[in-house]
Amino acid sequence: MTIPQLAVLDLETSGLRAARHRILQAATVTIDVDGERLDEWSSYVRLRWPLQRVGPRRIHGIRRSTLRGAPRLSDALAALADVLDGSLVTAHHASFDIEFLRVAARHADPDVRARLLAATEQSLCTLEMSRATDPDRTRSHRLGDLCRHYDITIDRPHDARDDVRATAALVPILIEQLGIDSFDQLEPFLVRPPSPAQPAGAPS
């Protein structure tokens, strides 16, 4: 089986716990296996109420004022579902992004929720791919450190749009280094959710 096109995903969130914290920004870059950019999408996500916390601004730089007028979560998820359809979702530390996305999907309408859950049944993790190129763990595999190592430009770390562009540039490098030329060879780097996402209406 040939490698499908990849929808590289990055989320910025208000914290580290998917059941408690919120998605503030989402971005994707869709690429082919050679790294050619096919599409790009990004969106901030409006807070559910005006005084909701945005979390560590010193890291992601997102203020409540930035999110005013942004799409509601349900609308952003609907747009994201369209982008992810037919692609292999790919992320750096994919388990983090996928958990947030699957939990957030309970706020989407049933059709969008089903599409998001289907799209994230398996996801490619560039963190695991990078670690496989360094079995003795002689270097850091954080995205920013990998960008310096491979001379990939990242203007604003922890901005979803810049992070996802950097991750998209990293993917073909890792594929080449690992000698991957078929979907079967990606199997060790595929992440699957440990359990079903919370049902609609479940408390956060």
N, C-alpha and C. Protein backbone atom coordinates (compact mmCIF):
# COMPACT_ATOMS: atom_id res chain seq x y z
N MET A 1 0.85 -1.20 0.00
CA MET A 1 0.00 0.00 0.00
C MET A 1 0.88 1.24 0.00
N THR A 2 0.61 2.15 -0.89
CA THR A 2 1.40 3.38 -0.94
C THR A 2 1.03 4.30 0.23
N ILE A 3 1.92 5.22 0.54
CA ILE A 3 1.67 6.15 1.63
C ILE A 3 0.67 7.20 1.16
N PRO A 4 -0.41 7.41 1.91
CA PRO A 4 -1.40 8.40 1.50
C PRO A 4 -0.88 9.81 1.74
N GLN A 5 -1.64 10.80 1.31
CA GLN A 5 -1.26 12.16 1.66
C GLN A 5 -1.43 12.35 3.15
N LEU A 6 -0.65 13.27 3.71
CA LEU A 6 -0.59 13.47 5.15
C LEU A 6 -1.19 14.82 5.50
N ALA A 7 -2.07 14.83 6.49
CA ALA A 7 -2.60 16.08 7.04
C ALA A 7 -1.87 16.34 8.34
N VAL A 8 -0.86 17.19 8.28
CA VAL A 8 -0.04 17.49 9.45
C VAL A 8 -0.81 18.46 10.33
N LEU A 9 -0.94 18.13 11.60
CA LEU A 9 -1.82 18.85 12.53
C LEU A 9 -1.02 19.40 13.71
N ASP A 10 -1.40 20.60 14.15
CA ASP A 10 -0.89 21.10 15.42
C ASP A 10 -2.00 21.87 16.12
N LEU A 11 -2.08 21.70 17.44
CA LEU A 11 -3.04 22.41 18.27
C LEU A 11 -2.31 23.20 19.33
N GLU A 12 -2.80 24.39 19.63
CA GLU A 12 -2.39 25.11 20.82
C GLU A 12 -3.56 25.07 21.79
N THR A 13 -3.26 24.80 23.04
CA THR A 13 -4.31 24.56 24.03
C THR A 13 -4.08 25.39 25.28
N SER A 14 -5.11 25.46 26.12
CA SER A 14 -5.02 26.25 27.35
C SER A 14 -4.33 25.50 28.48
N GLY A 15 -3.97 24.26 28.25
CA GLY A 15 -3.29 23.45 29.25
C GLY A 15 -2.99 22.08 28.69
N LEU A 16 -2.61 21.16 29.55
CA LEU A 16 -2.13 19.86 29.10
C LEU A 16 -3.14 18.73 29.26
N ARG A 17 -4.29 19.00 29.88
CA ARG A 17 -5.26 17.95 30.15
C ARG A 17 -6.47 18.10 29.22
N ALA A 18 -6.64 17.14 28.35
CA ALA A 18 -7.69 17.25 27.34
C ALA A 18 -9.09 17.32 27.95
N ALA A 19 -9.30 16.65 29.07
CA ALA A 19 -10.62 16.64 29.68
C ALA A 19 -10.94 17.95 30.39
N ARG A 20 -9.93 18.77 30.63
CA ARG A 20 -10.13 19.99 31.41
C ARG A 20 -9.87 21.25 30.60
N HIS A 21 -8.91 21.19 29.70
CA HIS A 21 -8.48 22.39 28.98
C HIS A 21 -9.05 22.42 27.56
N ARG A 22 -8.82 23.53 26.88
CA ARG A 22 -9.51 23.79 25.61
C ARG A 22 -8.53 24.02 24.47
N ILE A 23 -8.99 23.73 23.26
CA ILE A 23 -8.23 24.07 22.06
C ILE A 23 -8.41 25.56 21.79
N LEU A 24 -7.29 26.26 21.62
CA LEU A 24 -7.30 27.69 21.32
C LEU A 24 -6.98 27.99 19.86
N GLN A 25 -6.23 27.12 19.23
CA GLN A 25 -5.80 27.33 17.85
C GLN A 25 -5.53 25.97 17.22
N ALA A 26 -5.90 25.82 15.98
CA ALA A 26 -5.62 24.59 15.23
C ALA A 26 -5.09 24.96 13.87
N ALA A 27 -4.19 24.14 13.37
CA ALA A 27 -3.63 24.39 12.03
C ALA A 27 -3.26 23.07 11.38
N THR A 28 -3.39 23.02 10.07
CA THR A 28 -2.97 21.84 9.31
C THR A 28 -2.23 22.28 8.05
N VAL A 29 -1.31 21.44 7.63
CA VAL A 29 -0.70 21.53 6.31
C VAL A 29 -0.81 20.15 5.70
N THR A 30 -1.46 20.05 4.57
CA THR A 30 -1.60 18.77 3.87
C THR A 30 -0.47 18.66 2.86
N ILE A 31 0.26 17.55 2.93
CA ILE A 31 1.42 17.34 2.06
C ILE A 31 1.35 15.95 1.45
N ASP A 32 2.11 15.76 0.36
CA ASP A 32 2.30 14.41 -0.13
C ASP A 32 3.56 13.84 0.51
N VAL A 33 3.89 12.61 0.18
CA VAL A 33 4.99 11.94 0.86
C VAL A 33 6.34 12.61 0.59
N ASP A 34 6.44 13.37 -0.50
CA ASP A 34 7.68 14.08 -0.81
C ASP A 34 7.76 15.44 -0.13
N GLY A 35 6.71 15.80 0.60
CA GLY A 35 6.71 17.07 1.31
C GLY A 35 6.11 18.22 0.53
N GLU A 36 5.59 17.95 -0.66
CA GLU A 36 4.97 19.03 -1.42
C GLU A 36 3.68 19.46 -0.74
N ARG A 37 3.55 20.77 -0.53
CA ARG A 37 2.39 21.29 0.17
C ARG A 37 1.19 21.33 -0.77
N LEU A 38 0.10 20.68 -0.34
CA LEU A 38 -1.11 20.60 -1.13
C LEU A 38 -2.19 21.56 -0.63
N ASP A 39 -2.18 21.83 0.66
CA ASP A 39 -3.23 22.67 1.25
C ASP A 39 -2.76 23.14 2.62
N GLU A 40 -3.36 24.23 3.08
CA GLU A 40 -3.04 24.76 4.41
C GLU A 40 -4.30 25.38 4.99
N TRP A 41 -4.49 25.17 6.29
CA TRP A 41 -5.67 25.71 6.99
C TRP A 41 -5.27 26.03 8.41
N SER A 42 -5.83 27.10 8.96
CA SER A 42 -5.61 27.41 10.37
C SER A 42 -6.76 28.25 10.89
N SER A 43 -6.98 28.17 12.19
CA SER A 43 -8.06 28.94 12.81
C SER A 43 -7.80 29.07 14.30
N TYR A 44 -8.07 30.25 14.83
CA TYR A 44 -8.23 30.37 16.27
C TYR A 44 -9.61 29.85 16.63
N VAL A 45 -9.82 29.61 17.93
CA VAL A 45 -11.10 29.07 18.39
C VAL A 45 -11.62 29.96 19.51
N ARG A 46 -12.83 30.44 19.36
CA ARG A 46 -13.44 31.34 20.34
C ARG A 46 -13.62 30.62 21.68
N LEU A 47 -13.39 31.35 22.75
CA LEU A 47 -13.63 30.80 24.08
C LEU A 47 -15.12 30.58 24.30
N ARG A 48 -15.44 29.63 25.15
CA ARG A 48 -16.85 29.32 25.40
C ARG A 48 -17.52 30.39 26.24
N TRP A 49 -16.74 31.10 27.04
CA TRP A 49 -17.28 32.25 27.78
C TRP A 49 -16.16 33.27 27.95
N PRO A 50 -16.51 34.55 28.11
CA PRO A 50 -15.52 35.64 28.00
C PRO A 50 -14.34 35.54 28.96
N LEU A 51 -14.55 35.02 30.17
CA LEU A 51 -13.47 35.02 31.16
C LEU A 51 -12.77 33.67 31.26
N GLN A 52 -13.02 32.80 30.32
CA GLN A 52 -12.33 31.51 30.32
C GLN A 52 -10.82 31.73 30.16
N ARG A 53 -10.05 30.95 30.87
CA ARG A 53 -8.61 31.12 30.87
C ARG A 53 -7.99 30.62 29.58
N VAL A 54 -6.96 31.32 29.14
CA VAL A 54 -6.23 30.89 27.95
C VAL A 54 -4.96 30.14 28.31
N GLY A 55 -4.65 30.03 29.60
CA GLY A 55 -3.48 29.25 29.99
C GLY A 55 -2.18 30.02 29.84
N PRO A 56 -1.09 29.31 29.56
CA PRO A 56 0.26 29.89 29.59
C PRO A 56 0.56 30.80 28.40
N ARG A 57 0.18 32.07 28.50
CA ARG A 57 0.41 33.01 27.40
C ARG A 57 1.89 33.17 27.09
N ARG A 58 2.74 32.99 28.10
CA ARG A 58 4.19 33.14 27.86
C ARG A 58 4.70 32.08 26.89
N ILE A 59 3.94 30.99 26.73
CA ILE A 59 4.34 29.93 25.80
C ILE A 59 3.68 30.13 24.44
N HIS A 60 2.35 30.21 24.41
CA HIS A 60 1.66 30.27 23.11
C HIS A 60 1.35 31.68 22.65
N GLY A 61 1.42 32.67 23.54
CA GLY A 61 1.22 34.06 23.14
C GLY A 61 -0.20 34.43 22.78
N ILE A 62 -1.16 33.56 23.10
CA ILE A 62 -2.55 33.82 22.73
C ILE A 62 -3.27 34.52 23.88
N ARG A 63 -3.90 35.65 23.56
CA ARG A 63 -4.68 36.41 24.53
C ARG A 63 -6.17 36.22 24.26
N ARG A 64 -6.97 36.49 25.27
CA ARG A 64 -8.42 36.40 25.06
C ARG A 64 -8.86 37.30 23.92
N SER A 65 -8.22 38.48 23.82
CA SER A 65 -8.60 39.40 22.76
C SER A 65 -8.32 38.82 21.38
N THR A 66 -7.30 37.94 21.29
CA THR A 66 -6.98 37.30 20.01
C THR A 66 -8.13 36.41 19.53
N LEU A 67 -8.87 35.87 20.48
CA LEU A 67 -9.89 34.88 20.16
C LEU A 67 -11.27 35.48 19.94
N ARG A 68 -11.41 36.79 20.18
CA ARG A 68 -12.70 37.42 19.95
C ARG A 68 -13.02 37.41 18.45
N GLY A 69 -14.19 36.99 18.12
CA GLY A 69 -14.58 36.92 16.72
C GLY A 69 -14.09 35.69 15.99
N ALA A 70 -13.32 34.83 16.67
CA ALA A 70 -12.88 33.58 16.05
C ALA A 70 -14.06 32.62 15.94
N PRO A 71 -13.98 31.62 15.09
CA PRO A 71 -15.06 30.63 14.99
C PRO A 71 -15.29 29.91 16.32
N ARG A 72 -16.53 29.53 16.54
CA ARG A 72 -16.83 28.67 17.68
C ARG A 72 -16.16 27.31 17.48
N LEU A 73 -15.97 26.59 18.58
CA LEU A 73 -15.31 25.29 18.49
C LEU A 73 -16.03 24.37 17.50
N SER A 74 -17.36 24.33 17.56
CA SER A 74 -18.10 23.43 16.67
C SER A 74 -17.85 23.77 15.21
N ASP A 75 -17.76 25.07 14.90
CA ASP A 75 -17.52 25.47 13.51
C ASP A 75 -16.08 25.16 13.09
N ALA A 76 -15.14 25.40 13.99
CA ALA A 76 -13.74 25.08 13.68
C ALA A 76 -13.57 23.58 13.46
N LEU A 77 -14.24 22.77 14.28
CA LEU A 77 -14.13 21.32 14.13
C LEU A 77 -14.74 20.85 12.82
N ALA A 78 -15.83 21.48 12.39
CA ALA A 78 -16.44 21.12 11.11
C ALA A 78 -15.48 21.40 9.96
N ALA A 79 -14.82 22.56 10.00
CA ALA A 79 -13.85 22.89 8.96
C ALA A 79 -12.66 21.94 9.01
N LEU A 80 -12.22 21.59 10.21
CA LEU A 80 -11.08 20.69 10.36
C LEU A 80 -11.42 19.29 9.85
N ALA A 81 -12.64 18.83 10.10
CA ALA A 81 -13.05 17.51 9.61
C ALA A 81 -12.95 17.45 8.09
N ASP A 82 -13.33 18.54 7.42
CA ASP A 82 -13.21 18.58 5.96
C ASP A 82 -11.75 18.44 5.52
N VAL A 83 -10.85 19.10 6.25
CA VAL A 83 -9.43 19.08 5.89
C VAL A 83 -8.83 17.69 6.09
N LEU A 84 -9.24 17.02 7.16
CA LEU A 84 -8.62 15.74 7.51
C LEU A 84 -9.14 14.57 6.68
N ASP A 85 -10.30 14.71 6.09
CA ASP A 85 -10.88 13.62 5.32
C ASP A 85 -9.92 13.11 4.24
N GLY A 86 -9.69 11.81 4.23
CA GLY A 86 -8.89 11.19 3.18
C GLY A 86 -7.39 11.28 3.37
N SER A 87 -6.93 11.82 4.51
CA SER A 87 -5.50 11.96 4.76
C SER A 87 -5.12 11.23 6.03
N LEU A 88 -3.85 10.89 6.14
CA LEU A 88 -3.33 10.32 7.37
C LEU A 88 -2.93 11.48 8.29
N VAL A 89 -3.61 11.61 9.41
CA VAL A 89 -3.30 12.69 10.35
C VAL A 89 -1.91 12.45 10.93
N THR A 90 -1.12 13.50 10.97
CA THR A 90 0.28 13.42 11.39
C THR A 90 0.57 14.57 12.34
N ALA A 91 1.28 14.30 13.42
CA ALA A 91 1.58 15.36 14.39
C ALA A 91 2.84 15.01 15.15
N HIS A 92 3.46 16.02 15.72
CA HIS A 92 4.61 15.81 16.58
C HIS A 92 4.08 15.61 18.00
N HIS A 93 4.36 14.44 18.58
CA HIS A 93 3.69 13.99 19.81
C HIS A 93 2.19 13.85 19.54
N ALA A 94 1.88 13.00 18.59
CA ALA A 94 0.51 12.87 18.08
C ALA A 94 -0.49 12.51 19.16
N SER A 95 -0.10 11.73 20.14
CA SER A 95 -1.07 11.31 21.17
C SER A 95 -1.67 12.51 21.89
N PHE A 96 -0.89 13.58 22.08
CA PHE A 96 -1.39 14.78 22.75
C PHE A 96 -2.46 15.46 21.91
N ASP A 97 -2.15 15.74 20.66
CA ASP A 97 -3.09 16.45 19.79
C ASP A 97 -4.34 15.62 19.54
N ILE A 98 -4.16 14.32 19.34
CA ILE A 98 -5.30 13.47 19.02
C ILE A 98 -6.23 13.34 20.21
N GLU A 99 -5.69 13.23 21.41
CA GLU A 99 -6.55 13.16 22.59
C GLU A 99 -7.39 14.43 22.71
N PHE A 100 -6.77 15.60 22.54
CA PHE A 100 -7.52 16.85 22.61
C PHE A 100 -8.60 16.90 21.54
N LEU A 101 -8.26 16.48 20.34
CA LEU A 101 -9.21 16.56 19.25
C LEU A 101 -10.39 15.62 19.46
N ARG A 102 -10.12 14.42 19.94
CA ARG A 102 -11.19 13.45 20.15
C ARG A 102 -12.11 13.86 21.30
N VAL A 103 -11.55 14.45 22.34
CA VAL A 103 -12.39 14.93 23.44
C VAL A 103 -13.20 16.14 22.99
N ALA A 104 -12.57 17.06 22.25
CA ALA A 104 -13.29 18.24 21.76
C ALA A 104 -14.41 17.87 20.81
N ALA A 105 -14.27 16.73 20.12
CA ALA A 105 -15.26 16.33 19.13
C ALA A 105 -16.65 16.13 19.72
N ARG A 106 -16.76 15.98 21.02
CA ARG A 106 -18.09 15.83 21.62
C ARG A 106 -18.92 17.10 21.50
N HIS A 107 -18.24 18.24 21.19
CA HIS A 107 -18.96 19.50 21.02
C HIS A 107 -19.41 19.71 19.57
N ALA A 108 -19.05 18.77 18.70
CA ALA A 108 -19.43 18.88 17.29
C ALA A 108 -20.76 18.17 17.05
N ASP A 109 -21.36 18.46 15.91
CA ASP A 109 -22.60 17.73 15.60
C ASP A 109 -22.24 16.28 15.28
N PRO A 110 -23.22 15.37 15.31
CA PRO A 110 -22.90 13.93 15.19
C PRO A 110 -22.12 13.56 13.95
N ASP A 111 -22.42 14.14 12.81
CA ASP A 111 -21.71 13.80 11.59
C ASP A 111 -20.25 14.22 11.68
N VAL A 112 -19.99 15.45 12.14
CA VAL A 112 -18.61 15.94 12.26
C VAL A 112 -17.87 15.12 13.30
N ARG A 113 -18.52 14.82 14.41
CA ARG A 113 -17.87 14.01 15.45
C ARG A 113 -17.45 12.66 14.89
N ALA A 114 -18.34 12.01 14.16
CA ALA A 114 -18.02 10.70 13.60
C ALA A 114 -16.84 10.79 12.63
N ARG A 115 -16.80 11.85 11.82
CA ARG A 115 -15.70 12.01 10.87
C ARG A 115 -14.38 12.26 11.57
N LEU A 116 -14.40 13.05 12.64
CA LEU A 116 -13.17 13.32 13.38
C LEU A 116 -12.66 12.06 14.08
N LEU A 117 -13.57 11.30 14.66
CA LEU A 117 -13.15 10.07 15.33
C LEU A 117 -12.58 9.08 14.32
N ALA A 118 -13.20 9.00 13.14
CA ALA A 118 -12.69 8.10 12.11
C ALA A 118 -11.31 8.55 11.62
N ALA A 119 -11.13 9.87 11.47
CA ALA A 119 -9.85 10.40 10.96
C ALA A 119 -8.71 10.17 11.93
N THR A 120 -9.03 10.02 13.21
CA THR A 120 -7.98 9.91 14.23
C THR A 120 -7.90 8.51 14.83
N GLU A 121 -8.44 7.51 14.14
CA GLU A 121 -8.30 6.13 14.61
C GLU A 121 -6.84 5.69 14.58
N GLN A 122 -6.07 6.24 13.68
CA GLN A 122 -4.63 6.03 13.68
C GLN A 122 -3.97 7.29 13.14
N SER A 123 -2.89 7.68 13.77
CA SER A 123 -2.20 8.92 13.41
C SER A 123 -0.70 8.67 13.43
N LEU A 124 -0.01 9.36 12.55
CA LEU A 124 1.44 9.21 12.44
C LEU A 124 2.12 10.20 13.38
N CYS A 125 3.08 9.70 14.16
CA CYS A 125 3.77 10.54 15.15
C CYS A 125 5.21 10.81 14.72
N THR A 126 5.51 12.06 14.41
CA THR A 126 6.87 12.41 14.00
C THR A 126 7.84 12.37 15.17
N LEU A 127 7.34 12.52 16.40
CA LEU A 127 8.22 12.38 17.55
C LEU A 127 8.78 10.97 17.62
N GLU A 128 7.92 9.97 17.45
CA GLU A 128 8.39 8.59 17.47
C GLU A 128 9.29 8.29 16.28
N MET A 129 8.99 8.87 15.13
CA MET A 129 9.86 8.69 13.97
C MET A 129 11.25 9.27 14.26
N SER A 130 11.28 10.46 14.84
CA SER A 130 12.57 11.09 15.12
C SER A 130 13.37 10.28 16.13
N ARG A 131 12.71 9.78 17.16
CA ARG A 131 13.41 8.96 18.15
C ARG A 131 14.01 7.72 17.52
N ALA A 132 13.33 7.18 16.51
CA ALA A 132 13.85 5.98 15.85
C ALA A 132 15.13 6.26 15.07
N THR A 133 15.37 7.50 14.68
CA THR A 133 16.61 7.84 14.00
C THR A 133 17.77 8.02 14.98
N ASP A 134 17.47 7.98 16.27
CA ASP A 134 18.46 8.25 17.31
C ASP A 134 18.25 7.25 18.45
N PRO A 135 18.49 5.96 18.18
CA PRO A 135 18.17 4.93 19.17
C PRO A 135 18.90 5.08 20.49
N ASP A 136 20.05 5.73 20.49
CA ASP A 136 20.80 5.93 21.74
C ASP A 136 20.39 7.20 22.47
N ARG A 137 19.43 7.92 21.90
CA ARG A 137 18.90 9.16 22.49
C ARG A 137 20.03 10.14 22.83
N THR A 138 20.80 10.49 21.84
CA THR A 138 21.92 11.39 22.05
C THR A 138 21.54 12.85 21.87
N ARG A 139 20.30 13.12 21.43
CA ARG A 139 19.87 14.50 21.24
C ARG A 139 18.40 14.66 21.61
N SER A 140 18.00 15.91 21.73
CA SER A 140 16.60 16.23 22.04
C SER A 140 15.74 16.04 20.80
N HIS A 141 14.50 15.63 21.03
CA HIS A 141 13.56 15.45 19.92
C HIS A 141 12.36 16.38 20.03
N ARG A 142 12.53 17.44 20.79
CA ARG A 142 11.52 18.50 20.78
C ARG A 142 11.51 19.15 19.42
N LEU A 143 10.34 19.65 19.02
CA LEU A 143 10.22 20.19 17.67
C LEU A 143 11.21 21.33 17.43
N GLY A 144 11.34 22.25 18.38
CA GLY A 144 12.26 23.37 18.20
C GLY A 144 13.70 22.92 18.04
N ASP A 145 14.09 21.92 18.81
CA ASP A 145 15.47 21.41 18.72
C ASP A 145 15.69 20.68 17.40
N LEU A 146 14.68 19.97 16.92
CA LEU A 146 14.80 19.31 15.63
C LEU A 146 14.89 20.32 14.49
N CYS A 147 14.17 21.43 14.63
CA CYS A 147 14.26 22.47 13.61
C CYS A 147 15.67 23.04 13.53
N ARG A 148 16.30 23.23 14.68
CA ARG A 148 17.69 23.70 14.67
C ARG A 148 18.61 22.63 14.08
N HIS A 149 18.37 21.40 14.44
CA HIS A 149 19.24 20.30 13.97
C HIS A 149 19.17 20.15 12.45
N TYR A 150 17.96 20.30 11.89
CA TYR A 150 17.78 20.10 10.46
C TYR A 150 17.68 21.41 9.67
N ASP A 151 17.94 22.52 10.35
CA ASP A 151 17.93 23.84 9.70
C ASP A 151 16.56 24.13 9.08
N ILE A 152 15.51 23.88 9.85
CA ILE A 152 14.15 24.18 9.44
C ILE A 152 13.74 25.49 10.10
N THR A 153 13.21 26.40 9.31
CA THR A 153 12.81 27.70 9.84
C THR A 153 11.51 27.58 10.63
N ILE A 154 11.51 28.13 11.83
CA ILE A 154 10.28 28.23 12.62
C ILE A 154 10.30 29.60 13.28
N ASP A 155 9.47 30.49 12.78
CA ASP A 155 9.53 31.89 13.21
C ASP A 155 8.95 32.09 14.60
N ARG A 156 7.82 31.44 14.87
CA ARG A 156 7.15 31.64 16.16
C ARG A 156 6.81 30.28 16.77
N PRO A 157 7.74 29.71 17.54
CA PRO A 157 7.44 28.43 18.18
C PRO A 157 6.19 28.53 19.05
N HIS A 158 5.40 27.49 19.04
CA HIS A 158 4.15 27.38 19.80
C HIS A 158 3.03 28.24 19.20
N ASP A 159 3.23 28.71 17.99
CA ASP A 159 2.10 29.17 17.19
C ASP A 159 1.73 27.99 16.30
N ALA A 160 0.44 27.60 16.31
CA ALA A 160 0.06 26.37 15.62
C ALA A 160 0.41 26.41 14.14
N ARG A 161 0.23 27.55 13.50
CA ARG A 161 0.50 27.63 12.07
C ARG A 161 1.99 27.48 11.78
N ASP A 162 2.84 28.10 12.59
CA ASP A 162 4.28 27.97 12.36
C ASP A 162 4.77 26.57 12.75
N ASP A 163 4.24 26.03 13.86
CA ASP A 163 4.66 24.69 14.28
C ASP A 163 4.28 23.64 13.24
N VAL A 164 3.09 23.78 12.68
CA VAL A 164 2.66 22.75 11.72
C VAL A 164 3.44 22.86 10.41
N ARG A 165 3.82 24.06 10.01
CA ARG A 165 4.67 24.20 8.84
C ARG A 165 6.02 23.56 9.07
N ALA A 166 6.55 23.74 10.27
CA ALA A 166 7.84 23.14 10.60
C ALA A 166 7.74 21.62 10.63
N THR A 167 6.67 21.10 11.21
CA THR A 167 6.48 19.65 11.26
C THR A 167 6.32 19.09 9.85
N ALA A 168 5.60 19.80 9.00
CA ALA A 168 5.44 19.35 7.61
C ALA A 168 6.78 19.29 6.89
N ALA A 169 7.68 20.23 7.20
CA ALA A 169 9.01 20.20 6.60
C ALA A 169 9.86 19.06 7.15
N LEU A 170 9.58 18.67 8.38
CA LEU A 170 10.33 17.59 9.03
C LEU A 170 9.96 16.22 8.48
N VAL A 171 8.69 16.04 8.12
CA VAL A 171 8.19 14.71 7.72
C VAL A 171 9.03 14.07 6.61
N PRO A 172 9.24 14.72 5.47
CA PRO A 172 10.01 14.04 4.40
C PRO A 172 11.45 13.75 4.80
N ILE A 173 12.02 14.55 5.68
CA ILE A 173 13.38 14.29 6.16
C ILE A 173 13.40 12.97 6.93
N LEU A 174 12.43 12.80 7.82
CA LEU A 174 12.38 11.57 8.63
C LEU A 174 12.06 10.36 7.76
N ILE A 175 11.16 10.52 6.81
CA ILE A 175 10.83 9.41 5.91
C ILE A 175 12.07 8.95 5.16
N GLU A 176 12.86 9.90 4.69
CA GLU A 176 14.09 9.55 3.96
C GLU A 176 15.10 8.89 4.89
N GLN A 177 15.28 9.46 6.09
CA GLN A 177 16.27 8.90 7.00
C GLN A 177 15.92 7.47 7.43
N LEU A 178 14.63 7.20 7.56
CA LEU A 178 14.20 5.88 8.00
C LEU A 178 14.02 4.91 6.83
N GLY A 179 14.21 5.39 5.61
CA GLY A 179 14.10 4.53 4.44
C GLY A 179 12.69 4.00 4.21
N ILE A 180 11.71 4.81 4.53
CA ILE A 180 10.31 4.38 4.42
C ILE A 180 9.81 4.63 3.00
N ASP A 181 9.24 3.59 2.39
CA ASP A 181 8.67 3.77 1.06
C ASP A 181 7.32 3.07 0.90
N SER A 182 6.77 2.58 2.01
CA SER A 182 5.44 1.96 1.96
C SER A 182 4.71 2.24 3.26
N PHE A 183 3.39 2.16 3.19
CA PHE A 183 2.58 2.42 4.37
C PHE A 183 2.89 1.43 5.49
N ASP A 184 3.16 0.17 5.15
CA ASP A 184 3.44 -0.84 6.17
C ASP A 184 4.62 -0.45 7.04
N GLN A 185 5.59 0.26 6.46
CA GLN A 185 6.77 0.65 7.23
C GLN A 185 6.49 1.77 8.22
N LEU A 186 5.32 2.40 8.11
CA LEU A 186 4.94 3.43 9.07
C LEU A 186 4.31 2.84 10.34
N GLU A 187 3.99 1.55 10.30
CA GLU A 187 3.26 0.92 11.40
C GLU A 187 3.86 1.20 12.79
N PRO A 188 5.19 1.12 12.98
CA PRO A 188 5.74 1.36 14.32
C PRO A 188 5.51 2.78 14.83
N PHE A 189 5.16 3.70 13.95
CA PHE A 189 5.04 5.10 14.32
C PHE A 189 3.59 5.59 14.32
N LEU A 190 2.65 4.65 14.20
CA LEU A 190 1.24 5.00 14.22
C LEU A 190 0.71 4.97 15.65
N VAL A 191 -0.02 6.00 16.00
CA VAL A 191 -0.61 6.13 17.33
C VAL A 191 -2.10 5.86 17.22
N ARG A 192 -2.61 5.04 18.13
CA ARG A 192 -4.04 4.77 18.17
C ARG A 192 -4.59 5.18 19.53
N PRO A 193 -5.79 5.72 19.59
CA PRO A 193 -6.33 6.18 20.87
C PRO A 193 -6.50 5.01 21.83
N PRO A 194 -6.18 5.21 23.11
CA PRO A 194 -6.26 4.11 24.07
C PRO A 194 -7.68 3.69 24.40
N SER A 195 -8.63 4.61 24.23
CA SER A 195 -10.02 4.30 24.55
C SER A 195 -10.90 5.24 23.75
N PRO A 196 -12.19 4.92 23.60
CA PRO A 196 -13.08 5.82 22.85
C PRO A 196 -13.14 7.18 23.49
N ALA A 197 -13.36 8.21 22.64
CA ALA A 197 -13.54 9.56 23.15
C ALA A 197 -14.78 9.61 24.02
N GLN A 198 -14.81 10.58 24.93
CA GLN A 198 -15.96 10.72 25.81
C GLN A 198 -17.24 10.96 24.99
N PRO A 199 -18.35 10.39 25.41
CA PRO A 199 -19.59 10.61 24.68
C PRO A 199 -20.08 12.04 24.81
N ALA A 200 -20.90 12.46 23.87
CA ALA A 200 -21.44 13.83 23.92
C ALA A 200 -22.14 14.05 25.24
N GLY A 201 -21.91 15.24 25.79
CA GLY A 201 -22.56 15.60 27.04
C GLY A 201 -21.83 15.17 28.28
N ALA A 202 -20.74 14.42 28.14
CA ALA A 202 -19.98 13.99 29.29
C ALA A 202 -19.33 15.19 29.95
N PRO A 203 -19.21 15.21 31.28
CA PRO A 203 -18.61 16.37 31.96
C PRO A 203 -17.15 16.47 31.62
N SER A 204 -16.65 17.71 31.57
CA SER A 204 -15.23 17.93 31.28
C SER A 204 -14.47 18.11 32.55
